[in-house]
Amino acid sequence: MLLEEFEALVDNKIGPEAYEKIETVYMWHPSISDTKGKEQIAYLYTEFEMQVIADMLPRAQKLMGIKMQVDALKVQIRTLEKTAKKISNL
């Protein structure tokens, strides 16, 4: 979701720093739905402003970091599998 789209949903201007936090929670927090996430994050912001987003941010950041580590490990596994295949085909 883009900043402009979120601003339209909440009918309010949001600064880039605040939106970065909102987007992190929107993308990574496990309580935000894949299908209704835009409406959920807009509701949270409209009803509770940045306080609830700030409270949710550490969990979202932690999950984001874990998923990034998993992705990096998957790349390493694929690289090792390719190397093993090359070695076994010698």
Protein backbone atom coordinates (compact mmCIF):
# COMPACT_ATOMS: atom_id res chain seq x y z
CA MET A 1 0.00 0.00 0.00
CA LEU A 2 1.28 3.45 -0.86
CA LEU A 3 1.31 6.45 1.46
CA GLU A 4 -1.29 8.22 -0.67
CA GLU A 5 -3.60 5.21 -0.55
CA PHE A 6 -3.36 5.04 3.24
CA GLU A 7 -3.96 8.77 3.57
CA ALA A 8 -7.11 8.39 1.47
CA LEU A 9 -8.30 5.49 3.66
CA VAL A 10 -7.88 7.49 6.88
CA ASP A 11 -8.70 10.89 5.35
CA ASN A 12 -5.62 12.41 6.95
CA LYS A 13 -2.09 13.43 5.99
CA ILE A 14 0.58 11.13 7.42
CA GLY A 15 4.26 11.99 7.63
CA PRO A 16 6.78 9.64 6.00
CA GLU A 17 8.27 8.56 9.34
CA ALA A 18 4.87 7.62 10.74
CA TYR A 19 3.91 5.87 7.53
CA GLU A 20 7.07 3.76 7.60
CA LYS A 21 5.95 2.39 10.99
CA ILE A 22 2.39 1.91 9.77
CA GLU A 23 3.61 0.03 6.70
CA THR A 24 5.87 -2.24 8.76
CA VAL A 25 2.95 -3.20 11.01
CA TYR A 26 0.66 -3.58 7.99
CA MET A 27 3.11 -5.86 6.18
CA TRP A 28 4.54 -7.92 9.04
CA HIS A 29 2.35 -8.02 12.14
CA PRO A 30 0.72 -11.46 12.49
CA SER A 31 -2.61 -9.95 13.56
CA ILE A 32 -3.04 -8.07 10.29
CA SER A 33 -4.92 -10.15 7.72
CA ASP A 34 -3.61 -10.83 4.24
CA THR A 35 -7.04 -10.10 2.79
CA LYS A 36 -8.42 -7.32 5.01
CA GLY A 37 -5.17 -5.76 6.17
CA LYS A 38 -5.72 -2.34 4.61
CA GLU A 39 -9.04 -1.93 6.38
CA GLN A 40 -7.61 -3.25 9.65
CA ILE A 41 -4.61 -0.92 9.74
CA ALA A 42 -6.77 2.04 8.70
CA TYR A 43 -9.23 1.23 11.51
CA LEU A 44 -6.42 0.94 14.07
CA TYR A 45 -4.96 4.26 13.00
CA THR A 46 -8.34 6.01 12.87
CA GLU A 47 -9.46 4.74 16.26
CA PHE A 48 -6.20 4.74 18.23
CA GLU A 49 -3.76 6.85 16.18
CA MET A 50 -0.06 6.02 16.37
CA GLN A 51 -0.02 4.61 19.91
CA VAL A 52 -1.38 1.21 18.94
CA ILE A 53 0.88 1.12 15.86
CA ALA A 54 3.87 1.88 18.10
CA ASP A 55 2.85 -0.92 20.45
CA MET A 56 2.57 -3.39 17.55
CA LEU A 57 5.79 -2.30 15.84
CA PRO A 58 8.36 -4.33 17.84
CA ARG A 59 6.56 -7.64 17.13
CA ALA A 60 6.23 -6.76 13.44
CA GLN A 61 9.93 -5.86 13.23
CA LYS A 62 10.93 -9.07 14.96
CA LEU A 63 8.85 -11.18 12.59
CA MET A 64 10.21 -9.26 9.60
CA GLY A 65 13.77 -9.98 10.76
CA ILE A 66 13.05 -13.68 11.25
CA LYS A 67 11.47 -14.01 7.80
CA MET A 68 14.46 -12.23 6.24
CA GLN A 69 16.79 -14.68 7.98
CA VAL A 70 14.72 -17.61 6.72
CA ASP A 71 14.88 -16.25 3.17
CA ALA A 72 18.66 -15.83 3.43
CA LEU A 73 19.01 -19.40 4.70
CA LYS A 74 16.89 -20.68 1.80
CA VAL A 75 19.27 -18.97 -0.62
CA GLN A 76 22.21 -20.62 1.14
CA ILE A 77 20.51 -24.01 0.94
CA ARG A 78 19.86 -23.62 -2.80
CA THR A 79 23.50 -22.61 -3.33
CA LEU A 80 24.76 -25.61 -1.36
CA GLU A 81 22.43 -27.95 -3.25
CA LYS A 82 23.75 -26.65 -6.59
CA THR A 83 27.33 -27.07 -5.38
CA ALA A 84 26.61 -30.62 -4.18
CA LYS A 85 25.02 -31.47 -7.53
CA LYS A 86 28.07 -30.16 -9.42
CA ILE A 87 30.40 -32.16 -7.20
CA SER A 88 28.38 -35.35 -7.57
CA ASN A 89 28.33 -34.97 -11.37
CA LEU A 90 32.13 -34.83 -11.65
